[in-house]
Amino acid sequence: MLLSLLATSFVVRIDYVRIGLAVAALVALPLVFFREPDVGYGMLVLAILVVNIGILARLWLRDGKVRFSGEEEELRRQHFAGLSPAAARGLIDQGHWISARRGEVLIRENQAAPSLFYLAEGQAAIHCDGAEVGKLSDGALIGEATVLDGAHATGTVLLGSNARLWFVPAAALRAYLAANPGIAGALHEGFARALRGKLASANTRIADRLPIT
């Protein structure tokens, strides 16, 4: 059992699991050495503690060296806050920053989203069956509802102004998450927050349009 935990210490990629292993080993260590002395058992517990603390220290030092530009930091703050600096850096580096012109179509209705977009600056409109049904502005994620599963979009997203965007192609995003499953949960949380924000905005618009009786 302890050998399995020691092996897990070397391969686990989720920081809170590693912290849990280190804490469990720290708690068990005095019990092993002072209550029921067993040198072999104690050395394994000590090895689990040392390995996890060492790897955590290396990861924290690496995170301290990560740097973000102003617009990258804003993207991270709004949508990738659950990721460590290194994980956010790796994810952002899968995408590209571009300047786009008014009138460009980002996503088309009844087609799979080609990319996940972050609207750093600018305005966009959502059209469904030819009618405008919503607006997006600075800080919005676009395509988060369907980019991971490849489902068809329920509306067309059209830029209403010149814009500054970050985007990551859908295939590249799915491949990156498959290779880094530890960040998927935090990314889904960011997507869920973005969708809740859009729902709240839509409800507000509907309420504003209702006649007062």
Protein backbone atom coordinates (compact mmCIF):
# COMPACT_ATOMS: atom_id res chain seq x y z
CA MET A 1 0.00 0.00 0.00
CA LEU A 2 2.72 2.47 0.97
CA LEU A 3 4.74 1.55 -2.11
CA SER A 4 1.69 2.38 -4.23
CA LEU A 5 1.33 5.76 -2.51
CA LEU A 6 5.02 6.46 -3.08
CA ALA A 7 4.65 5.63 -6.77
CA THR A 8 1.54 7.83 -6.94
CA SER A 9 3.56 10.69 -5.46
CA PHE A 10 5.76 10.72 -8.54
CA VAL A 11 2.99 10.66 -11.15
CA VAL A 12 0.00 12.54 -9.69
CA ARG A 13 -0.60 15.87 -11.44
CA ILE A 14 -3.23 17.40 -9.16
CA ASP A 15 -1.71 19.66 -6.52
CA TYR A 16 -4.37 19.18 -3.85
CA VAL A 17 -3.93 15.39 -4.05
CA ARG A 18 -0.20 15.85 -3.56
CA ILE A 19 -0.83 18.17 -0.60
CA GLY A 20 -3.17 15.55 0.88
CA LEU A 21 -0.48 12.87 0.56
CA ALA A 22 2.08 15.10 2.25
CA VAL A 23 -0.26 15.97 5.14
CA ALA A 24 -1.24 12.32 5.64
CA ALA A 25 2.42 11.30 5.74
CA LEU A 26 3.23 14.12 8.18
CA VAL A 27 0.46 12.99 10.53
CA ALA A 28 1.44 9.31 10.26
CA LEU A 29 5.15 9.84 10.75
CA PRO A 30 5.22 10.34 14.56
CA LEU A 31 2.80 7.45 15.04
CA VAL A 32 5.07 5.12 13.08
CA PHE A 33 8.26 6.05 14.89
CA PHE A 34 7.00 6.50 18.44
CA ARG A 35 3.94 4.31 18.94
CA GLU A 36 4.79 1.25 16.90
CA PRO A 37 8.41 1.55 15.81
CA ASP A 38 8.92 -0.02 12.39
CA VAL A 39 11.94 1.33 10.56
CA GLY A 40 10.97 0.05 7.12
CA TYR A 41 7.40 1.33 7.40
CA GLY A 42 8.63 4.63 8.80
CA MET A 43 11.14 5.15 5.99
CA LEU A 44 8.41 4.67 3.39
CA VAL A 45 6.19 7.24 5.12
CA LEU A 46 9.15 9.62 5.33
CA ALA A 47 9.87 9.08 1.62
CA ILE A 48 6.26 9.93 0.73
CA LEU A 49 6.51 13.12 2.78
CA VAL A 50 9.85 14.20 1.32
CA VAL A 51 8.90 13.43 -2.29
CA ASN A 52 5.64 15.37 -2.14
CA ILE A 53 7.09 18.36 -0.30
CA GLY A 54 10.00 18.46 -2.75
CA ILE A 55 7.78 18.34 -5.82
CA LEU A 56 5.37 20.92 -4.37
CA ALA A 57 8.28 23.25 -3.62
CA ARG A 58 9.54 22.88 -7.18
CA LEU A 59 6.08 23.60 -8.59
CA TRP A 60 5.60 26.66 -6.36
CA LEU A 61 9.00 28.01 -7.40
CA ARG A 62 8.08 27.46 -11.04
CA ASP A 63 4.75 29.25 -10.57
CA GLY A 64 6.58 32.19 -9.03
CA LYS A 65 8.56 32.66 -12.23
CA VAL A 66 5.52 32.73 -14.53
CA ARG A 67 4.70 36.12 -16.03
CA PHE A 68 1.60 37.43 -17.81
CA SER A 69 0.93 40.49 -19.92
CA GLY A 70 -1.88 42.81 -18.84
CA GLU A 71 -4.46 41.28 -21.17
CA GLU A 72 -3.35 37.74 -20.27
CA GLU A 73 -3.69 38.51 -16.57
CA GLU A 74 -7.22 39.80 -17.16
CA LEU A 75 -8.15 36.63 -19.07
CA ARG A 76 -6.73 34.53 -16.27
CA ARG A 77 -8.50 36.54 -13.57
CA GLN A 78 -11.89 36.34 -15.24
CA HIS A 79 -11.94 32.78 -16.53
CA PHE A 80 -8.91 30.73 -15.44
CA ALA A 81 -8.68 31.75 -11.78
CA GLY A 82 -8.88 28.12 -10.69
CA LEU A 83 -5.66 27.24 -12.51
CA SER A 84 -2.17 27.59 -11.13
CA PRO A 85 -0.01 30.23 -12.84
CA ALA A 86 1.92 27.53 -14.72
CA ALA A 87 -1.27 25.77 -15.85
CA ALA A 88 -2.83 29.06 -16.97
CA ARG A 89 0.36 29.95 -18.81
CA GLY A 90 0.31 26.61 -20.62
CA LEU A 91 -3.34 26.96 -21.60
CA ILE A 92 -3.03 30.55 -22.81
CA ASP A 93 -0.01 29.57 -24.89
CA GLN A 94 -2.17 27.11 -26.85
CA GLY A 95 -4.06 30.08 -28.29
CA HIS A 96 -3.33 33.27 -30.19
CA TRP A 97 -4.08 36.98 -29.81
CA ILE A 98 -5.52 38.78 -32.82
CA SER A 99 -7.18 42.03 -33.78
CA ALA A 100 -10.41 41.50 -35.72
CA ARG A 101 -12.65 43.84 -37.70
CA ARG A 102 -16.28 44.71 -37.24
CA GLY A 103 -18.58 42.36 -39.14
CA GLU A 104 -16.40 39.27 -38.84
CA VAL A 105 -18.26 36.08 -37.89
CA LEU A 106 -16.76 34.11 -35.04
CA ILE A 107 -19.29 31.29 -34.78
CA ARG A 108 -22.06 30.28 -37.17
CA GLU A 109 -25.45 28.96 -36.16
CA ASN A 110 -25.91 25.19 -36.64
CA GLN A 111 -22.16 24.64 -37.01
CA ALA A 112 -19.58 23.47 -34.50
CA ALA A 113 -17.64 26.29 -32.85
CA PRO A 114 -14.24 26.41 -34.59
CA SER A 115 -12.53 27.90 -31.52
CA LEU A 116 -12.97 29.15 -28.00
CA PHE A 117 -12.81 32.96 -28.04
CA TYR A 118 -12.16 35.53 -25.36
CA LEU A 119 -13.35 39.03 -26.22
CA ALA A 120 -10.73 41.23 -24.54
CA GLU A 121 -11.99 44.43 -26.14
CA GLY A 122 -14.97 45.11 -28.36
CA GLN A 123 -18.60 44.23 -28.90
CA ALA A 124 -20.35 41.24 -30.44
CA ALA A 125 -23.95 40.33 -31.20
CA ILE A 126 -25.66 36.94 -31.05
CA HIS A 127 -28.17 36.19 -33.82
CA CYS A 128 -30.62 33.29 -33.92
CA ASP A 129 -32.77 32.63 -36.99
CA GLY A 130 -31.73 36.02 -38.33
CA ALA A 131 -32.81 38.00 -35.26
CA GLU A 132 -30.48 39.55 -32.70
CA VAL A 133 -31.03 37.88 -29.36
CA GLY A 134 -28.10 39.08 -27.27
CA LYS A 135 -24.96 41.16 -26.99
CA LEU A 136 -21.47 40.45 -25.67
CA SER A 137 -18.83 42.90 -24.52
CA ASP A 138 -15.37 43.13 -23.00
CA GLY A 139 -14.39 40.04 -21.02
CA ALA A 140 -16.87 37.59 -22.55
CA LEU A 141 -16.02 34.00 -23.45
CA ILE A 142 -17.52 32.87 -26.74
CA GLY A 143 -18.10 29.24 -27.68
CA GLU A 144 -17.58 27.76 -24.22
CA ALA A 145 -20.93 25.93 -24.27
CA THR A 146 -20.08 23.68 -27.22
CA VAL A 147 -16.35 23.90 -27.97
CA LEU A 148 -15.44 20.82 -25.95
CA ASP A 149 -18.10 18.42 -27.22
CA GLY A 150 -18.33 19.67 -30.81
CA ALA A 151 -22.09 20.28 -30.63
CA HIS A 152 -23.58 22.77 -33.09
CA ALA A 153 -23.96 26.35 -31.96
CA THR A 154 -27.48 27.64 -31.38
CA GLY A 155 -26.64 31.11 -32.71
CA THR A 156 -24.28 33.15 -34.88
CA VAL A 157 -21.81 35.45 -33.14
CA LEU A 158 -20.91 38.55 -35.16
CA LEU A 159 -18.48 41.28 -34.15
CA GLY A 160 -20.26 44.61 -33.75
CA SER A 161 -17.00 46.58 -33.53
CA ASN A 162 -13.30 46.19 -34.11
CA ALA A 163 -12.08 43.84 -31.41
CA ARG A 164 -9.11 42.36 -29.61
CA LEU A 165 -9.45 38.59 -29.19
CA TRP A 166 -7.70 35.57 -27.80
CA PHE A 167 -8.71 32.26 -29.36
CA VAL A 168 -7.70 28.62 -29.19
CA PRO A 169 -8.85 26.19 -31.93
CA ALA A 170 -11.34 23.60 -30.68
CA ALA A 171 -9.21 20.63 -31.72
CA ALA A 172 -6.12 22.07 -30.03
CA LEU A 173 -8.07 22.75 -26.82
CA ARG A 174 -9.49 19.23 -26.67
CA ALA A 175 -6.06 17.70 -27.32
CA TYR A 176 -4.48 19.87 -24.61
CA LEU A 177 -7.10 18.90 -22.04
CA ALA A 178 -6.72 15.22 -22.93
CA ALA A 179 -2.98 15.53 -22.27
CA ASN A 180 -3.54 17.60 -19.09
CA PRO A 181 -6.66 16.18 -17.41
CA GLY A 182 -5.84 17.87 -14.11
CA ILE A 183 -6.90 21.29 -15.42
CA ALA A 184 -10.19 20.18 -16.97
CA GLY A 185 -12.21 20.62 -13.76
CA ALA A 186 -11.05 24.19 -13.19
CA LEU A 187 -11.68 25.05 -16.83
CA HIS A 188 -15.22 23.69 -16.65
CA GLU A 189 -15.83 25.86 -13.58
CA GLY A 190 -14.71 28.91 -15.55
CA PHE A 191 -17.02 27.97 -18.40
CA ALA A 192 -19.92 27.50 -15.99
CA ARG A 193 -19.36 30.97 -14.49
CA ALA A 194 -19.33 32.49 -17.97
CA LEU A 195 -22.60 30.74 -18.87
CA ARG A 196 -24.25 31.85 -15.63
CA GLY A 197 -23.22 35.43 -16.38
CA LYS A 198 -24.75 35.24 -19.84
CA LEU A 199 -27.96 33.77 -18.44
CA ALA A 200 -28.21 36.55 -15.87
CA SER A 201 -27.67 39.18 -18.59
CA ALA A 202 -30.33 37.56 -20.78
CA ASN A 203 -32.82 37.51 -17.91
CA THR A 204 -32.13 41.19 -17.24
CA ARG A 205 -32.75 42.08 -20.90
CA ILE A 206 -36.00 40.13 -20.91
CA ALA A 207 -37.16 41.84 -17.72
CA ASP A 208 -36.32 45.27 -19.17
CA ARG A 209 -38.45 44.54 -22.25
CA LEU A 210 -41.52 43.40 -20.36
CA PRO A 211 -44.28 46.04 -20.29
CA ILE A 212 -45.07 47.56 -16.93
CA THR A 213 -48.69 46.84 -15.96
